[in-house]
Amino acid sequence: MSIFGRPHYTSDVTQFIEQLKSSRPHLEQEQHQGRALLWDKQIDRDFQQQAERARVPQKPYVYQTEPGPY
């Protein structure tokens, strides 16, 4: 027996996640589908370069108004 041995411990969060996964076995597949829907996209490189070239530089203080013509 090791002097560093500790009794097996699982946190409440780990227990909750394990219970959730066992009660809903399709949960991980749904997570992958959701990620594919929102994040895993093909990038149009030409459009991205065009958008970067069309960007207008922002002024240092955006709330400062331009002096009037008066």
N, C-alpha and C. Protein backbone atom coordinates (compact mmCIF):
# COMPACT_ATOMS: atom_id res chain seq x y z
N MET A 1 0.84 -1.19 0.00
CA MET A 1 0.00 0.00 0.00
C MET A 1 0.88 1.24 0.00
N SER A 2 0.57 2.17 -0.86
CA SER A 2 1.34 3.39 -0.98
C SER A 2 0.97 4.37 0.12
N ILE A 3 1.93 5.16 0.55
CA ILE A 3 1.63 6.17 1.56
C ILE A 3 0.83 7.32 0.96
N PHE A 4 0.86 7.41 -0.39
CA PHE A 4 0.11 8.47 -1.06
C PHE A 4 -1.27 8.01 -1.51
N GLY A 5 -1.62 6.78 -1.25
CA GLY A 5 -2.90 6.25 -1.68
C GLY A 5 -4.05 6.95 -0.98
N ARG A 6 -5.06 7.26 -1.73
CA ARG A 6 -6.23 7.92 -1.16
C ARG A 6 -7.47 7.12 -1.55
N PRO A 7 -8.50 7.22 -0.77
CA PRO A 7 -9.73 6.52 -1.16
C PRO A 7 -10.28 7.12 -2.46
N HIS A 8 -10.95 6.28 -3.22
CA HIS A 8 -11.51 6.74 -4.50
C HIS A 8 -12.52 7.86 -4.24
N TYR A 9 -12.33 8.98 -4.92
CA TYR A 9 -13.22 10.14 -4.74
C TYR A 9 -13.66 10.64 -6.11
N THR A 10 -14.93 10.90 -6.24
CA THR A 10 -15.46 11.57 -7.44
C THR A 10 -16.29 12.75 -6.97
N SER A 11 -16.08 13.86 -7.60
CA SER A 11 -16.78 15.08 -7.20
C SER A 11 -18.25 15.00 -7.58
N ASP A 12 -19.03 15.91 -7.04
CA ASP A 12 -20.45 15.97 -7.34
C ASP A 12 -20.68 16.25 -8.82
N VAL A 13 -19.84 17.10 -9.39
CA VAL A 13 -19.98 17.45 -10.80
C VAL A 13 -19.71 16.23 -11.67
N THR A 14 -18.66 15.49 -11.35
CA THR A 14 -18.33 14.29 -12.11
C THR A 14 -19.45 13.26 -12.00
N GLN A 15 -20.00 13.10 -10.81
CA GLN A 15 -21.11 12.18 -10.63
C GLN A 15 -22.32 12.61 -11.45
N PHE A 16 -22.60 13.91 -11.49
CA PHE A 16 -23.72 14.43 -12.26
C PHE A 16 -23.53 14.16 -13.75
N ILE A 17 -22.33 14.42 -14.26
CA ILE A 17 -22.07 14.23 -15.68
C ILE A 17 -22.16 12.75 -16.05
N GLU A 18 -21.62 11.88 -15.21
CA GLU A 18 -21.71 10.45 -15.47
C GLU A 18 -23.16 9.98 -15.46
N GLN A 19 -23.95 10.48 -14.52
CA GLN A 19 -25.36 10.12 -14.45
C GLN A 19 -26.12 10.64 -15.68
N LEU A 20 -25.80 11.85 -16.10
CA LEU A 20 -26.45 12.44 -17.27
C LEU A 20 -26.12 11.64 -18.53
N LYS A 21 -24.86 11.28 -18.69
CA LYS A 21 -24.46 10.49 -19.86
C LYS A 21 -25.08 9.10 -19.86
N SER A 22 -25.23 8.50 -18.69
CA SER A 22 -25.85 7.17 -18.64
C SER A 22 -27.35 7.24 -18.90
N SER A 23 -28.00 8.31 -18.48
CA SER A 23 -29.44 8.43 -18.71
C SER A 23 -29.75 8.89 -20.13
N ARG A 24 -28.81 9.59 -20.77
CA ARG A 24 -29.01 10.06 -22.15
C ARG A 24 -27.80 9.67 -22.98
N PRO A 25 -27.74 8.43 -23.47
CA PRO A 25 -26.55 7.96 -24.19
C PRO A 25 -26.31 8.68 -25.52
N HIS A 26 -27.33 9.30 -26.09
CA HIS A 26 -27.18 10.01 -27.36
C HIS A 26 -26.73 11.46 -27.17
N LEU A 27 -26.46 11.87 -25.95
CA LEU A 27 -26.11 13.26 -25.66
C LEU A 27 -24.84 13.71 -26.38
N GLU A 28 -23.81 12.87 -26.38
CA GLU A 28 -22.55 13.25 -27.02
C GLU A 28 -22.72 13.42 -28.52
N GLN A 29 -23.51 12.56 -29.13
CA GLN A 29 -23.76 12.68 -30.56
C GLN A 29 -24.50 13.99 -30.87
N GLU A 30 -25.44 14.37 -30.03
CA GLU A 30 -26.16 15.64 -30.21
C GLU A 30 -25.21 16.83 -30.07
N GLN A 31 -24.26 16.72 -29.15
CA GLN A 31 -23.28 17.79 -28.98
C GLN A 31 -22.44 17.96 -30.24
N HIS A 32 -22.01 16.84 -30.83
CA HIS A 32 -21.22 16.90 -32.05
C HIS A 32 -22.03 17.49 -33.20
N GLN A 33 -23.30 17.13 -33.29
CA GLN A 33 -24.16 17.68 -34.34
C GLN A 33 -24.35 19.18 -34.15
N GLY A 34 -24.52 19.63 -32.91
CA GLY A 34 -24.66 21.05 -32.63
C GLY A 34 -23.41 21.83 -32.97
N ARG A 35 -22.27 21.25 -32.67
CA ARG A 35 -21.02 21.91 -33.00
C ARG A 35 -20.86 22.01 -34.51
N ALA A 36 -21.18 20.95 -35.22
CA ALA A 36 -21.07 20.96 -36.68
C ALA A 36 -22.01 22.00 -37.28
N LEU A 37 -23.17 22.18 -36.67
CA LEU A 37 -24.14 23.14 -37.17
C LEU A 37 -23.65 24.58 -37.02
N LEU A 38 -23.01 24.87 -35.89
CA LEU A 38 -22.64 26.26 -35.59
C LEU A 38 -21.19 26.61 -35.87
N TRP A 39 -20.26 25.67 -35.69
CA TRP A 39 -18.86 26.03 -35.71
C TRP A 39 -18.06 25.43 -36.85
N ASP A 40 -18.32 24.21 -37.21
CA ASP A 40 -17.51 23.54 -38.23
C ASP A 40 -17.99 23.94 -39.61
N LYS A 41 -17.52 25.07 -40.07
CA LYS A 41 -17.95 25.62 -41.36
C LYS A 41 -16.77 25.71 -42.31
N GLN A 42 -17.06 25.61 -43.59
CA GLN A 42 -16.04 25.84 -44.61
C GLN A 42 -15.89 27.35 -44.79
N ILE A 43 -14.67 27.84 -44.85
CA ILE A 43 -14.41 29.27 -44.95
C ILE A 43 -14.15 29.62 -46.40
N ASP A 44 -14.85 30.66 -46.88
CA ASP A 44 -14.62 31.18 -48.22
C ASP A 44 -13.47 32.18 -48.11
N ARG A 45 -12.27 31.77 -48.50
CA ARG A 45 -11.07 32.60 -48.33
C ARG A 45 -11.14 33.89 -49.15
N ASP A 46 -11.69 33.83 -50.35
CA ASP A 46 -11.79 35.04 -51.18
C ASP A 46 -12.69 36.07 -50.52
N PHE A 47 -13.83 35.62 -50.01
CA PHE A 47 -14.75 36.55 -49.33
C PHE A 47 -14.11 37.13 -48.08
N GLN A 48 -13.37 36.31 -47.35
CA GLN A 48 -12.70 36.78 -46.14
C GLN A 48 -11.66 37.86 -46.46
N GLN A 49 -10.87 37.65 -47.51
CA GLN A 49 -9.88 38.66 -47.90
C GLN A 49 -10.57 39.94 -48.37
N GLN A 50 -11.66 39.80 -49.10
CA GLN A 50 -12.39 40.96 -49.58
C GLN A 50 -12.96 41.75 -48.39
N ALA A 51 -13.47 41.07 -47.40
CA ALA A 51 -14.02 41.74 -46.21
C ALA A 51 -12.92 42.44 -45.43
N GLU A 52 -11.75 41.83 -45.33
CA GLU A 52 -10.64 42.47 -44.61
C GLU A 52 -10.15 43.71 -45.34
N ARG A 53 -10.13 43.67 -46.68
CA ARG A 53 -9.71 44.85 -47.43
C ARG A 53 -10.74 45.98 -47.33
N ALA A 54 -12.01 45.65 -47.16
CA ALA A 54 -13.07 46.65 -47.11
C ALA A 54 -13.25 47.25 -45.71
N ARG A 55 -12.51 46.75 -44.75
CA ARG A 55 -12.66 47.23 -43.38
C ARG A 55 -12.23 48.69 -43.26
N VAL A 56 -13.05 49.49 -42.56
CA VAL A 56 -12.75 50.90 -42.34
C VAL A 56 -12.07 51.02 -40.98
N PRO A 57 -10.94 51.70 -40.91
CA PRO A 57 -10.25 51.81 -39.62
C PRO A 57 -11.10 52.60 -38.61
N GLN A 58 -11.10 52.12 -37.39
CA GLN A 58 -11.88 52.77 -36.34
C GLN A 58 -11.05 53.87 -35.69
N LYS A 59 -11.72 54.96 -35.35
CA LYS A 59 -11.04 56.07 -34.69
C LYS A 59 -10.71 55.66 -33.25
N PRO A 60 -9.70 56.29 -32.66
CA PRO A 60 -9.30 55.90 -31.30
C PRO A 60 -10.42 56.07 -30.28
N TYR A 61 -11.20 57.12 -30.40
CA TYR A 61 -12.29 57.34 -29.47
C TYR A 61 -13.56 57.46 -30.29
N VAL A 62 -14.35 56.41 -30.29
CA VAL A 62 -15.47 56.33 -31.22
C VAL A 62 -16.61 57.28 -30.88
N TYR A 63 -16.69 57.75 -29.66
CA TYR A 63 -17.80 58.61 -29.27
C TYR A 63 -17.50 60.10 -29.48
N GLN A 64 -16.30 60.41 -29.90
CA GLN A 64 -15.95 61.80 -30.16
C GLN A 64 -16.61 62.22 -31.46
N THR A 65 -17.33 63.33 -31.40
CA THR A 65 -18.00 63.82 -32.60
C THR A 65 -17.06 64.68 -33.41
N GLU A 66 -17.33 64.74 -34.69
CA GLU A 66 -16.54 65.60 -35.57
C GLU A 66 -16.92 67.04 -35.31
N PRO A 67 -15.98 67.94 -35.38
CA PRO A 67 -16.32 69.36 -35.20
C PRO A 67 -17.22 69.81 -36.35
N GLY A 68 -18.23 70.60 -36.01
CA GLY A 68 -19.20 71.05 -37.00
C GLY A 68 -18.61 72.09 -37.95
N PRO A 69 -19.31 72.35 -39.05
CA PRO A 69 -18.79 73.32 -40.04
C PRO A 69 -18.99 74.77 -39.60
N TYR A 70 -19.43 75.03 -38.40
CA TYR A 70 -19.71 76.39 -37.95
C TYR A 70 -18.52 77.07 -37.39
